[in-house]
C-alpha atoms as a PDB file:
ATOM      1  CA  UNK A   1     -48.440 -32.196   5.114  1.00  0.00           C
ATOM      2  CA  UNK A   2     -49.097 -33.459   1.596  1.00  0.00           C
ATOM      3  CA  UNK A   3     -52.054 -35.471   2.837  1.00  0.00           C
ATOM      4  CA  UNK A   4     -53.533 -32.347   4.433  1.00  0.00           C
ATOM      5  CA  UNK A   5     -53.050 -30.360   1.218  1.00  0.00           C
ATOM      6  CA  UNK A   6     -54.661 -33.125  -0.809  1.00  0.00           C
ATOM      7  CA  UNK A   7     -57.755 -33.232   1.424  1.00  0.00           C
ATOM      8  CA  UNK A   8     -58.057 -29.434   1.553  1.00  0.00           C
ATOM      9  CA  UNK A   9     -57.906 -29.344  -2.233  1.00  0.00           C
ATOM     10  CA  UNK A  10     -60.609 -32.023  -2.466  1.00  0.00           C
ATOM     11  CA  UNK A  11     -62.761 -30.075  -0.011  1.00  0.00           C
ATOM     12  CA  UNK A  12     -62.308 -26.919  -2.071  1.00  0.00           C
ATOM     13  CA  UNK A  13     -63.288 -28.784  -5.245  1.00  0.00           C
ATOM     14  CA  UNK A  14     -66.386 -30.152  -3.524  1.00  0.00           C
ATOM     15  CA  UNK A  15     -67.410 -26.649  -2.379  1.00  0.00           C
ATOM     16  CA  UNK A  16     -66.910 -25.286  -5.905  1.00  0.00           C
ATOM     17  CA  UNK A  17     -68.942 -28.186  -7.316  1.00  0.00           C
ATOM     18  CA  UNK A  18     -71.818 -27.501  -4.906  1.00  0.00           C
ATOM     19  CA  UNK A  19     -71.681 -23.775  -5.736  1.00  0.00           C
ATOM     20  CA  UNK A  20     -71.792 -24.612  -9.447  1.00  0.00           C
ATOM     21  CA  UNK A  21     -74.805 -26.877  -8.934  1.00  0.00           C
ATOM     22  CA  UNK A  22     -76.650 -24.159  -7.006  1.00  0.00           C
ATOM     23  CA  UNK A  23     -75.720 -21.599  -9.655  1.00  0.00           C
ATOM     24  CA  UNK A  24     -76.861 -23.889 -12.454  1.00  0.00           C
ATOM     25  CA  UNK A  25     -80.207 -24.572 -10.806  1.00  0.00           C
ATOM     26  CA  UNK A  26     -80.800 -20.846 -10.208  1.00  0.00           C
ATOM     27  CA  UNK A  27     -79.853 -19.967 -13.795  1.00  0.00           C
ATOM     28  CA  UNK A  28     -82.004 -22.422 -15.711  1.00  0.00           C
ATOM     29  CA  UNK A  29     -83.799 -19.808 -17.817  1.00  0.00           C
ATOM     30  CA  UNK A  30     -83.303 -20.624 -21.491  1.00  0.00           C
ATOM     31  CA  UNK A  31     -81.999 -17.780 -23.623  1.00  0.00           C
ATOM     32  CA  UNK A  32     -80.532 -17.366 -27.110  1.00  0.00           C
ATOM     33  CA  UNK A  33     -77.438 -15.226 -27.664  1.00  0.00           C
ATOM     34  CA  UNK A  34     -77.373 -12.819 -30.584  1.00  0.00           C
ATOM     35  CA  UNK A  35     -74.183 -11.849 -32.447  1.00  0.00           C
ATOM     36  CA  UNK A  36     -74.938  -9.212 -35.096  1.00  0.00           C
ATOM     37  CA  UNK A  37     -77.557 -11.042 -37.204  1.00  0.00           C
ATOM     38  CA  UNK A  38     -76.719 -14.559 -35.995  1.00  0.00           C
ATOM     39  CA  UNK A  39     -78.839 -16.048 -33.231  1.00  0.00           C
ATOM     40  CA  UNK A  40     -77.538 -19.063 -31.318  1.00  0.00           C
ATOM     41  CA  UNK A  41     -79.637 -22.032 -30.215  1.00  0.00           C
ATOM     42  CA  UNK A  42     -81.668 -21.608 -27.052  1.00  0.00           C
ATOM     43  CA  UNK A  43     -79.751 -22.940 -24.039  1.00  0.00           C
ATOM     44  CA  UNK A  44     -80.008 -22.381 -20.284  1.00  0.00           C
ATOM     45  CA  UNK A  45     -77.852 -19.560 -18.942  1.00  0.00           C
ATOM     46  CA  UNK A  46     -75.813 -22.072 -16.932  1.00  0.00           C
ATOM     47  CA  UNK A  47     -74.789 -23.830 -20.173  1.00  0.00           C
ATOM     48  CA  UNK A  48     -73.660 -20.530 -21.702  1.00  0.00           C
ATOM     49  CA  UNK A  49     -71.654 -19.785 -18.553  1.00  0.00           C
ATOM     50  CA  UNK A  50     -70.097 -23.250 -18.652  1.00  0.00           C
ATOM     51  CA  UNK A  51     -69.246 -22.859 -22.348  1.00  0.00           C
ATOM     52  CA  UNK A  52     -67.603 -19.479 -21.644  1.00  0.00           C
ATOM     53  CA  UNK A  53     -65.623 -20.992 -18.760  1.00  0.00           C
ATOM     54  CA  UNK A  54     -64.400 -23.969 -20.802  1.00  0.00           C
ATOM     55  CA  UNK A  55     -63.479 -21.684 -23.709  1.00  0.00           C
ATOM     56  CA  UNK A  56     -61.518 -19.462 -21.331  1.00  0.00           C
ATOM     57  CA  UNK A  57     -59.701 -22.412 -19.768  1.00  0.00           C
ATOM     58  CA  UNK A  58     -58.760 -23.803 -23.182  1.00  0.00           C
ATOM     59  CA  UNK A  59     -57.620 -20.412 -24.458  1.00  0.00           C
ATOM     60  CA  UNK A  60     -55.627 -19.773 -21.274  1.00  0.00           C
ATOM     61  CA  UNK A  61     -53.990 -23.196 -21.483  1.00  0.00           C
ATOM     62  CA  UNK A  62     -53.061 -22.586 -25.111  1.00  0.00           C
ATOM     63  CA  UNK A  63     -51.498 -19.203 -24.308  1.00  0.00           C
ATOM     64  CA  UNK A  64     -49.681 -20.642 -21.301  1.00  0.00           C
ATOM     65  CA  UNK A  65     -48.273 -23.516 -23.361  1.00  0.00           C
ATOM     66  CA  UNK A  66     -47.089 -21.127 -26.065  1.00  0.00           C
ATOM     67  CA  UNK A  67     -45.492 -18.778 -23.519  1.00  0.00           C
ATOM     68  CA  UNK A  68     -43.799 -21.611 -21.625  1.00  0.00           C
ATOM     69  CA  UNK A  69     -42.440 -23.084 -24.849  1.00  0.00           C
ATOM     70  CA  UNK A  70     -40.929 -19.719 -25.795  1.00  0.00           C
ATOM     71  CA  UNK A  71     -39.378 -19.351 -22.337  1.00  0.00           C
ATOM     72  CA  UNK A  72     -37.957 -22.881 -22.363  1.00  0.00           C
ATOM     73  CA  UNK A  73     -36.372 -22.350 -25.783  1.00  0.00           C
ATOM     74  CA  UNK A  74     -34.920 -19.052 -24.602  1.00  0.00           C
ATOM     75  CA  UNK A  75     -33.494 -20.685 -21.468  1.00  0.00           C
ATOM     76  CA  UNK A  76     -32.042 -23.529 -23.537  1.00  0.00           C
ATOM     77  CA  UNK A  77     -30.315 -21.057 -25.865  1.00  0.00           C
ATOM     78  CA  UNK A  78     -29.008 -19.073 -22.884  1.00  0.00           C
ATOM     79  CA  UNK A  79     -27.590 -22.260 -21.309  1.00  0.00           C
ATOM     80  CA  UNK A  80     -25.855 -23.152 -24.569  1.00  0.00           C
ATOM     81  CA  UNK A  81     -24.320 -19.671 -24.695  1.00  0.00           C
ATOM     82  CA  UNK A  82     -23.134 -19.984 -21.074  1.00  0.00           C
ATOM     83  CA  UNK A  83     -21.523 -23.352 -21.792  1.00  0.00           C
ATOM     84  CA  UNK A  84     -19.833 -21.972 -24.906  1.00  0.00           C
ATOM     85  CA  UNK A  85     -18.523 -18.957 -22.974  1.00  0.00           C
ATOM     86  CA  UNK A  86     -17.268 -21.186 -20.149  1.00  0.00           C
ATOM     87  CA  UNK A  87     -15.370 -23.376 -22.618  1.00  0.00           C
ATOM     88  CA  UNK A  88     -13.824 -20.319 -24.277  1.00  0.00           C
ATOM     89  CA  UNK A  89     -12.839 -18.925 -20.865  1.00  0.00           C
ATOM     90  CA  UNK A  90     -11.224 -22.216 -19.834  1.00  0.00           C
ATOM     91  CA  UNK A  91      -9.361 -22.353 -23.133  1.00  0.00           C
ATOM     92  CA  UNK A  92      -8.179 -18.775 -22.706  1.00  0.00           C
ATOM     93  CA  UNK A  93      -7.015 -19.429 -19.153  1.00  0.00           C
ATOM     94  CA  UNK A  94      -5.113 -22.524 -20.256  1.00  0.00           C
ATOM     95  CA  UNK A  95      -3.291 -20.553 -22.952  1.00  0.00           C
ATOM     96  CA  UNK A  96      -2.332 -17.640 -20.714  1.00  0.00           C
ATOM     97  CA  UNK A  97      -0.836 -19.698 -17.870  1.00  0.00           C
ATOM     98  CA  UNK A  98       2.916 -20.301 -17.968  1.00  0.00           C
ATOM     99  CA  UNK A  99       4.022 -23.927 -18.154  1.00  0.00           C
ATOM    100  CA  UNK A 100       4.386 -25.626 -14.797  1.00  0.00           C
ATOM    101  CA  UNK A 101       7.925 -26.717 -13.960  1.00  0.00           C
ATOM    102  CA  UNK A 102       9.055 -28.729 -10.965  1.00  0.00           C
ATOM    103  CA  UNK A 103      11.557 -27.184  -8.615  1.00  0.00           C
ATOM    104  CA  UNK A 104      13.598 -29.321  -6.230  1.00  0.00           C
END
């Protein structure tokens, strides 16, 4: 099953790569982008699209890492609290039980 998944993933990557090549060849018109008064260098549209994609992936990865780190720290603190509560409960149970005596 893992082998099938691996090959399907590779096939999907190949299809995406071919689609990107076709898209890049169709979008080879060179354009500058203008932000207020700043004008960027002249690049093909495909390069601008690639730059936007890479920026989005990096930004998404950064946000995901930050979110996961917060969640892991929260889970770690919750586990510590559970362990502390379990120890207190065991201690309380041990104190409330009467001493065990043997009866013959």
